[in-house]
PDB file of all heavy atoms in Angstrom:
ATOM      1  N   MET A   1       0.828  -1.162   0.000  1.00  0.00           N
ATOM      2  CA  MET A   1       0.000   0.000   0.000  1.00  0.00           C
ATOM      3  C   MET A   1       0.893   1.253   0.000  1.00  0.00           C
ATOM      4  O   MET A   1       1.800   1.371   0.791  1.00  0.00           O
ATOM      5  CB  MET A   1      -0.872  -0.041   1.249  1.00  0.00           C
ATOM      6  CG  MET A   1      -1.881   1.061   1.311  1.00  0.00           C
ATOM      7  SD  MET A   1      -2.676   1.006   2.914  1.00  0.00           S
ATOM      8  CE  MET A   1      -4.297   0.673   2.431  1.00  0.00           C
ATOM      9  N   LYS A   2       0.639   2.131  -0.922  1.00  0.00           N
ATOM     10  CA  LYS A   2       1.434   3.344  -1.028  1.00  0.00           C
ATOM     11  C   LYS A   2       0.914   4.402  -0.063  1.00  0.00           C
ATOM     12  O   LYS A   2      -0.281   4.562   0.110  1.00  0.00           O
ATOM     13  CB  LYS A   2       1.385   3.901  -2.444  1.00  0.00           C
ATOM     14  CG  LYS A   2       2.065   3.036  -3.454  1.00  0.00           C
ATOM     15  CD  LYS A   2       2.040   3.692  -4.793  1.00  0.00           C
ATOM     16  CE  LYS A   2       2.753   2.841  -5.809  1.00  0.00           C
ATOM     17  NZ  LYS A   2       2.747   3.430  -7.126  1.00  0.00           N
ATOM     18  N   LYS A   3       1.856   5.124   0.562  1.00  0.00           N
ATOM     19  CA  LYS A   3       1.466   6.195   1.463  1.00  0.00           C
ATOM     20  C   LYS A   3       1.670   7.520   0.755  1.00  0.00           C
ATOM     21  O   LYS A   3       2.652   7.721   0.055  1.00  0.00           O
ATOM     22  CB  LYS A   3       2.316   6.169   2.732  1.00  0.00           C
ATOM     23  CG  LYS A   3       2.068   4.967   3.594  1.00  0.00           C
ATOM     24  CD  LYS A   3       2.870   5.062   4.861  1.00  0.00           C
ATOM     25  CE  LYS A   3       2.633   3.846   5.725  1.00  0.00           C
ATOM     26  NZ  LYS A   3       3.360   3.927   6.978  1.00  0.00           N
ATOM     27  N   LEU A   4       0.743   8.398   0.931  1.00  0.00           N
ATOM     28  CA  LEU A   4       0.850   9.727   0.353  1.00  0.00           C
ATOM     29  C   LEU A   4       1.558  10.645   1.331  1.00  0.00           C
ATOM     30  O   LEU A   4       1.357  10.566   2.530  1.00  0.00           O
ATOM     31  CB  LEU A   4      -0.537  10.287   0.029  1.00  0.00           C
ATOM     32  CG  LEU A   4      -1.318   9.524  -1.025  1.00  0.00           C
ATOM     33  CD1 LEU A   4      -2.709  10.117  -1.148  1.00  0.00           C
ATOM     34  CD2 LEU A   4      -0.603   9.614  -2.357  1.00  0.00           C
ATOM     35  N   ILE A   5       2.397  11.500   0.791  1.00  0.00           N
ATOM     36  CA  ILE A   5       3.082  12.484   1.621  1.00  0.00           C
ATOM     37  C   ILE A   5       2.158  13.671   1.795  1.00  0.00           C
ATOM     38  O   ILE A   5       1.748  14.310   0.825  1.00  0.00           O
ATOM     39  CB  ILE A   5       4.416  12.912   0.988  1.00  0.00           C
ATOM     40  CG1 ILE A   5       5.340  11.712   0.879  1.00  0.00           C
ATOM     41  CG2 ILE A   5       5.070  14.018   1.800  1.00  0.00           C
ATOM     42  CD1 ILE A   5       6.644  12.000   0.199  1.00  0.00           C
ATOM     43  N   THR A   6       1.840  13.977   3.011  1.00  0.00           N
ATOM     44  CA  THR A   6       0.928  15.077   3.290  1.00  0.00           C
ATOM     45  C   THR A   6       1.673  16.406   3.292  1.00  0.00           C
ATOM     46  O   THR A   6       2.900  16.466   3.329  1.00  0.00           O
ATOM     47  CB  THR A   6       0.258  14.892   4.660  1.00  0.00           C
ATOM     48  OG1 THR A   6       1.263  14.951   5.669  1.00  0.00           O
ATOM     49  CG2 THR A   6      -0.474  13.570   4.733  1.00  0.00           C
ATOM     50  N   ALA A   7       0.914  17.477   3.271  1.00  0.00           N
ATOM     51  CA  ALA A   7       1.495  18.822   3.302  1.00  0.00           C
ATOM     52  C   ALA A   7       2.263  19.046   4.603  1.00  0.00           C
ATOM     53  O   ALA A   7       3.313  19.687   4.621  1.00  0.00           O
ATOM     54  CB  ALA A   7       0.408  19.871   3.137  1.00  0.00           C
ATOM     55  N   ALA A   8       1.761  18.496   5.694  1.00  0.00           N
ATOM     56  CA  ALA A   8       2.443  18.640   6.980  1.00  0.00           C
ATOM     57  C   ALA A   8       3.809  17.945   6.962  1.00  0.00           C
ATOM     58  O   ALA A   8       4.788  18.453   7.491  1.00  0.00           O
ATOM     59  CB  ALA A   8       1.578  18.095   8.103  1.00  0.00           C
ATOM     60  N   THR A   9       3.857  16.769   6.336  1.00  0.00           N
ATOM     61  CA  THR A   9       5.124  16.049   6.227  1.00  0.00           C
ATOM     62  C   THR A   9       6.119  16.830   5.374  1.00  0.00           C
ATOM     63  O   THR A   9       7.294  16.943   5.719  1.00  0.00           O
ATOM     64  CB  THR A   9       4.894  14.646   5.619  1.00  0.00           C
ATOM     65  OG1 THR A   9       3.914  13.967   6.397  1.00  0.00           O
ATOM     66  CG2 THR A   9       6.172  13.850   5.588  1.00  0.00           C
ATOM     67  N   MET A  10       5.645  17.380   4.266  1.00  0.00           N
ATOM     68  CA  MET A  10       6.520  18.181   3.400  1.00  0.00           C
ATOM     69  C   MET A  10       7.029  19.418   4.132  1.00  0.00           C
ATOM     70  O   MET A  10       8.189  19.801   4.003  1.00  0.00           O
ATOM     71  CB  MET A  10       5.789  18.591   2.118  1.00  0.00           C
ATOM     72  CG  MET A  10       5.545  17.439   1.167  1.00  0.00           C
ATOM     73  SD  MET A  10       7.075  16.649   0.643  1.00  0.00           S
ATOM     74  CE  MET A  10       7.766  17.917  -0.364  1.00  0.00           C
ATOM     75  N   ALA A  11       6.168  20.050   4.921  1.00  0.00           N
ATOM     76  CA  ALA A  11       6.574  21.225   5.685  1.00  0.00           C
ATOM     77  C   ALA A  11       7.638  20.854   6.704  1.00  0.00           C
ATOM     78  O   ALA A  11       8.609  21.589   6.906  1.00  0.00           O
ATOM     79  CB  ALA A  11       5.369  21.861   6.367  1.00  0.00           C
ATOM     80  N   ALA A  12       7.488  19.709   7.351  1.00  0.00           N
ATOM     81  CA  ALA A  12       8.471  19.257   8.334  1.00  0.00           C
ATOM     82  C   ALA A  12       9.813  18.963   7.670  1.00  0.00           C
ATOM     83  O   ALA A  12      10.869  19.314   8.194  1.00  0.00           O
ATOM     84  CB  ALA A  12       7.955  18.024   9.065  1.00  0.00           C
ATOM     85  N   ILE A  13       9.783  18.334   6.493  1.00  0.00           N
ATOM     86  CA  ILE A  13      11.016  18.043   5.752  1.00  0.00           C
ATOM     87  C   ILE A  13      11.701  19.342   5.347  1.00  0.00           C
ATOM     88  O   ILE A  13      12.913  19.485   5.477  1.00  0.00           O
ATOM     89  CB  ILE A  13      10.719  17.154   4.527  1.00  0.00           C
ATOM     90  CG1 ILE A  13      10.304  15.758   4.983  1.00  0.00           C
ATOM     91  CG2 ILE A  13      11.932  17.090   3.607  1.00  0.00           C
ATOM     92  CD1 ILE A  13       9.783  14.880   3.875  1.00  0.00           C
ATOM     93  N   SER A  14      10.931  20.309   4.875  1.00  0.00           N
ATOM     94  CA  SER A  14      11.491  21.606   4.481  1.00  0.00           C
ATOM     95  C   SER A  14      12.112  22.317   5.665  1.00  0.00           C
ATOM     96  O   SER A  14      13.183  22.909   5.559  1.00  0.00           O
ATOM     97  CB  SER A  14      10.412  22.502   3.865  1.00  0.00           C
ATOM     98  OG  SER A  14       9.923  21.918   2.692  1.00  0.00           O
ATOM     99  N   LEU A  15      11.462  22.274   6.816  1.00  0.00           N
ATOM    100  CA  LEU A  15      11.978  22.927   8.010  1.00  0.00           C
ATOM    101  C   LEU A  15      13.299  22.308   8.446  1.00  0.00           C
ATOM    102  O   LEU A  15      14.239  23.011   8.797  1.00  0.00           O
ATOM    103  CB  LEU A  15      10.955  22.841   9.149  1.00  0.00           C
ATOM    104  CG  LEU A  15      11.329  23.532  10.443  1.00  0.00           C
ATOM    105  CD1 LEU A  15      11.563  25.020  10.191  1.00  0.00           C
ATOM    106  CD2 LEU A  15      10.262  23.331  11.489  1.00  0.00           C
ATOM    107  N   VAL A  16      13.396  20.980   8.380  1.00  0.00           N
ATOM    108  CA  VAL A  16      14.641  20.302   8.747  1.00  0.00           C
ATOM    109  C   VAL A  16      15.756  20.671   7.783  1.00  0.00           C
ATOM    110  O   VAL A  16      16.877  20.952   8.190  1.00  0.00           O
ATOM    111  CB  VAL A  16      14.440  18.771   8.796  1.00  0.00           C
ATOM    112  CG1 VAL A  16      15.766  18.055   8.911  1.00  0.00           C
ATOM    113  CG2 VAL A  16      13.532  18.402   9.958  1.00  0.00           C
ATOM    114  N   SER A  17      15.467  20.715   6.492  1.00  0.00           N
ATOM    115  CA  SER A  17      16.512  21.038   5.518  1.00  0.00           C
ATOM    116  C   SER A  17      16.962  22.483   5.647  1.00  0.00           C
ATOM    117  O   SER A  17      18.139  22.792   5.472  1.00  0.00           O
ATOM    118  CB  SER A  17      16.048  20.737   4.095  1.00  0.00           C
ATOM    119  OG  SER A  17      14.999  21.601   3.734  1.00  0.00           O
ATOM    120  N   ILE A  18      16.059  23.379   5.985  1.00  0.00           N
ATOM    121  CA  ILE A  18      16.438  24.778   6.174  1.00  0.00           C
ATOM    122  C   ILE A  18      17.278  24.935   7.434  1.00  0.00           C
ATOM    123  O   ILE A  18      18.279  25.639   7.453  1.00  0.00           O
ATOM    124  CB  ILE A  18      15.192  25.685   6.238  1.00  0.00           C
ATOM    125  CG1 ILE A  18      14.543  25.758   4.862  1.00  0.00           C
ATOM    126  CG2 ILE A  18      15.540  27.082   6.746  1.00  0.00           C
ATOM    127  CD1 ILE A  18      13.188  26.442   4.857  1.00  0.00           C
ATOM    128  N   SER A  19      16.895  24.238   8.498  1.00  0.00           N
ATOM    129  CA  SER A  19      17.613  24.398   9.762  1.00  0.00           C
ATOM    130  C   SER A  19      18.995  23.761   9.730  1.00  0.00           C
ATOM    131  O   SER A  19      19.843  24.091  10.542  1.00  0.00           O
ATOM    132  CB  SER A  19      16.792  23.821  10.915  1.00  0.00           C
ATOM    133  OG  SER A  19      16.647  22.430  10.766  1.00  0.00           O
ATOM    134  N   THR A  20      19.254  22.836   8.800  1.00  0.00           N
ATOM    135  CA  THR A  20      20.567  22.213   8.715  1.00  0.00           C
ATOM    136  C   THR A  20      21.431  22.814   7.612  1.00  0.00           C
ATOM    137  O   THR A  20      22.533  22.361   7.394  1.00  0.00           O
ATOM    138  CB  THR A  20      20.425  20.697   8.472  1.00  0.00           C
ATOM    139  OG1 THR A  20      19.695  20.487   7.267  1.00  0.00           O
ATOM    140  CG2 THR A  20      19.722  20.017   9.639  1.00  0.00           C
ATOM    141  N   SER A  21      20.934  23.846   6.935  1.00  0.00           N
ATOM    142  CA  SER A  21      21.725  24.497   5.893  1.00  0.00           C
ATOM    143  C   SER A  21      22.850  25.290   6.527  1.00  0.00           C
ATOM    144  O   SER A  21      22.689  25.855   7.604  1.00  0.00           O
ATOM    145  CB  SER A  21      20.849  25.442   5.066  1.00  0.00           C
ATOM    146  OG  SER A  21      19.846  24.729   4.416  1.00  0.00           O
ATOM    147  N   PRO A  22      24.026  25.351   5.869  1.00  0.00           N
ATOM    148  CA  PRO A  22      25.129  26.125   6.438  1.00  0.00           C
ATOM    149  C   PRO A  22      24.795  27.615   6.458  1.00  0.00           C
ATOM    150  O   PRO A  22      24.141  28.129   5.561  1.00  0.00           O
ATOM    151  CB  PRO A  22      26.302  25.830   5.497  1.00  0.00           C
ATOM    152  CG  PRO A  22      25.672  25.371   4.237  1.00  0.00           C
ATOM    153  CD  PRO A  22      24.366  24.738   4.605  1.00  0.00           C
ATOM    154  N   ILE A  23      25.254  28.275   7.492  1.00  0.00           N
ATOM    155  CA  ILE A  23      25.023  29.706   7.631  1.00  0.00           C
ATOM    156  C   ILE A  23      26.309  30.429   7.272  1.00  0.00           C
ATOM    157  O   ILE A  23      27.388  30.071   7.738  1.00  0.00           O
ATOM    158  CB  ILE A  23      24.611  30.050   9.073  1.00  0.00           C
ATOM    159  CG1 ILE A  23      23.296  29.350   9.416  1.00  0.00           C
ATOM    160  CG2 ILE A  23      24.487  31.546   9.264  1.00  0.00           C
ATOM    161  CD1 ILE A  23      22.902  29.456  10.865  1.00  0.00           C
ATOM    162  N   VAL A  24      26.202  31.435   6.422  1.00  0.00           N
ATOM    163  CA  VAL A  24      27.365  32.225   6.039  1.00  0.00           C
ATOM    164  C   VAL A  24      27.343  33.510   6.845  1.00  0.00           C
ATOM    165  O   VAL A  24      26.392  34.272   6.794  1.00  0.00           O
ATOM    166  CB  VAL A  24      27.343  32.546   4.526  1.00  0.00           C
ATOM    167  CG1 VAL A  24      28.502  33.446   4.158  1.00  0.00           C
ATOM    168  CG2 VAL A  24      27.379  31.268   3.715  1.00  0.00           C
ATOM    169  N   TYR A  25      28.389  33.721   7.615  1.00  0.00           N
ATOM    170  CA  TYR A  25      28.515  34.942   8.387  1.00  0.00           C
ATOM    171  C   TYR A  25      29.371  35.912   7.599  1.00  0.00           C
ATOM    172  O   TYR A  25      30.563  35.713   7.452  1.00  0.00           O
ATOM    173  CB  TYR A  25      29.147  34.654   9.749  1.00  0.00           C
ATOM    174  CG  TYR A  25      28.301  33.757  10.604  1.00  0.00           C
ATOM    175  CD1 TYR A  25      28.605  32.415  10.759  1.00  0.00           C
ATOM    176  CD2 TYR A  25      27.174  34.248  11.240  1.00  0.00           C
ATOM    177  CE1 TYR A  25      27.818  31.590  11.534  1.00  0.00           C
ATOM    178  CE2 TYR A  25      26.371  33.430  12.018  1.00  0.00           C
ATOM    179  CZ  TYR A  25      26.705  32.100  12.165  1.00  0.00           C
ATOM    180  OH  TYR A  25      25.919  31.292  12.922  1.00  0.00           O
ATOM    181  N   ALA A  26      28.752  36.938   7.085  1.00  0.00           N
ATOM    182  CA  ALA A  26      29.466  37.913   6.271  1.00  0.00           C
ATOM    183  C   ALA A  26      30.175  38.916   7.167  1.00  0.00           C
ATOM    184  O   ALA A  26      29.624  39.397   8.140  1.00  0.00           O
ATOM    185  CB  ALA A  26      28.507  38.616   5.334  1.00  0.00           C
ATOM    186  N   GLY A  27      31.388  39.201   6.817  1.00  0.00           N
ATOM    187  CA  GLY A  27      32.183  40.159   7.575  1.00  0.00           C
ATOM    188  C   GLY A  27      32.408  41.418   6.783  1.00  0.00           C
ATOM    189  O   GLY A  27      31.640  41.749   5.876  1.00  0.00           O
ATOM    190  N   PRO A  28      33.478  42.111   7.082  1.00  0.00           N
ATOM    191  CA  PRO A  28      33.757  43.379   6.413  1.00  0.00           C
ATOM    192  C   PRO A  28      34.142  43.200   4.949  1.00  0.00           C
ATOM    193  O   PRO A  28      34.562  42.132   4.532  1.00  0.00           O
ATOM    194  CB  PRO A  28      34.919  43.952   7.221  1.00  0.00           C
ATOM    195  CG  PRO A  28      35.552  42.788   7.885  1.00  0.00           C
ATOM    196  CD  PRO A  28      34.461  41.780   8.104  1.00  0.00           C
ATOM    197  N   THR A  29      33.965  44.264   4.201  1.00  0.00           N
ATOM    198  CA  THR A  29      34.371  44.276   2.797  1.00  0.00           C
ATOM    199  C   THR A  29      35.512  45.268   2.621  1.00  0.00           C
ATOM    200  O   THR A  29      35.718  46.143   3.457  1.00  0.00           O
ATOM    201  CB  THR A  29      33.203  44.697   1.890  1.00  0.00           C
ATOM    202  OG1 THR A  29      32.793  46.006   2.247  1.00  0.00           O
ATOM    203  CG2 THR A  29      32.032  43.746   2.020  1.00  0.00           C
ATOM    204  N   MET A  30      36.236  45.117   1.532  1.00  0.00           N
ATOM    205  CA  MET A  30      37.286  46.078   1.216  1.00  0.00           C
ATOM    206  C   MET A  30      37.591  46.059  -0.268  1.00  0.00           C
ATOM    207  O   MET A  30      37.313  45.089  -0.962  1.00  0.00           O
ATOM    208  CB  MET A  30      38.552  45.832   2.046  1.00  0.00           C
ATOM    209  CG  MET A  30      39.373  44.639   1.646  1.00  0.00           C
ATOM    210  SD  MET A  30      40.859  44.352   2.664  1.00  0.00           S
ATOM    211  CE  MET A  30      41.798  45.819   2.433  1.00  0.00           C
ATOM    212  N   THR A  31      38.157  47.154  -0.747  1.00  0.00           N
ATOM    213  CA  THR A  31      38.620  47.274  -2.124  1.00  0.00           C
ATOM    214  C   THR A  31      40.121  47.470  -2.069  1.00  0.00           C
ATOM    215  O   THR A  31      40.612  48.374  -1.389  1.00  0.00           O
ATOM    216  CB  THR A  31      37.944  48.468  -2.821  1.00  0.00           C
ATOM    217  OG1 THR A  31      36.534  48.257  -2.801  1.00  0.00           O
ATOM    218  CG2 THR A  31      38.411  48.597  -4.255  1.00  0.00           C
ATOM    219  N   THR A  32      40.850  46.614  -2.781  1.00  0.00           N
ATOM    220  CA  THR A  32      42.314  46.627  -2.705  1.00  0.00           C
ATOM    221  C   THR A  32      42.887  45.919  -3.924  1.00  0.00           C
ATOM    222  O   THR A  32      42.177  45.668  -4.889  1.00  0.00           O
ATOM    223  CB  THR A  32      42.773  45.954  -1.390  1.00  0.00           C
ATOM    224  OG1 THR A  32      44.176  46.097  -1.246  1.00  0.00           O
ATOM    225  CG2 THR A  32      42.389  44.504  -1.324  1.00  0.00           C
ATOM    226  N   THR A  33      44.166  45.582  -3.880  1.00  0.00           N
ATOM    227  CA  THR A  33      44.808  44.796  -4.935  1.00  0.00           C
ATOM    228  C   THR A  33      45.423  43.543  -4.315  1.00  0.00           C
ATOM    229  O   THR A  33      45.609  43.459  -3.106  1.00  0.00           O
ATOM    230  CB  THR A  33      45.919  45.596  -5.647  1.00  0.00           C
ATOM    231  OG1 THR A  33      46.867  46.034  -4.672  1.00  0.00           O
ATOM    232  CG2 THR A  33      45.339  46.791  -6.387  1.00  0.00           C
TER     233      THR A  33
END
């Protein structure tokens, strides 16, 4: 029997993938050579 993925399940999967994504901490910028 096949199970359907509900909207709640998809939302939970999306939340987990977003919370485990790497975070980029941006620092100062500069113009130089």
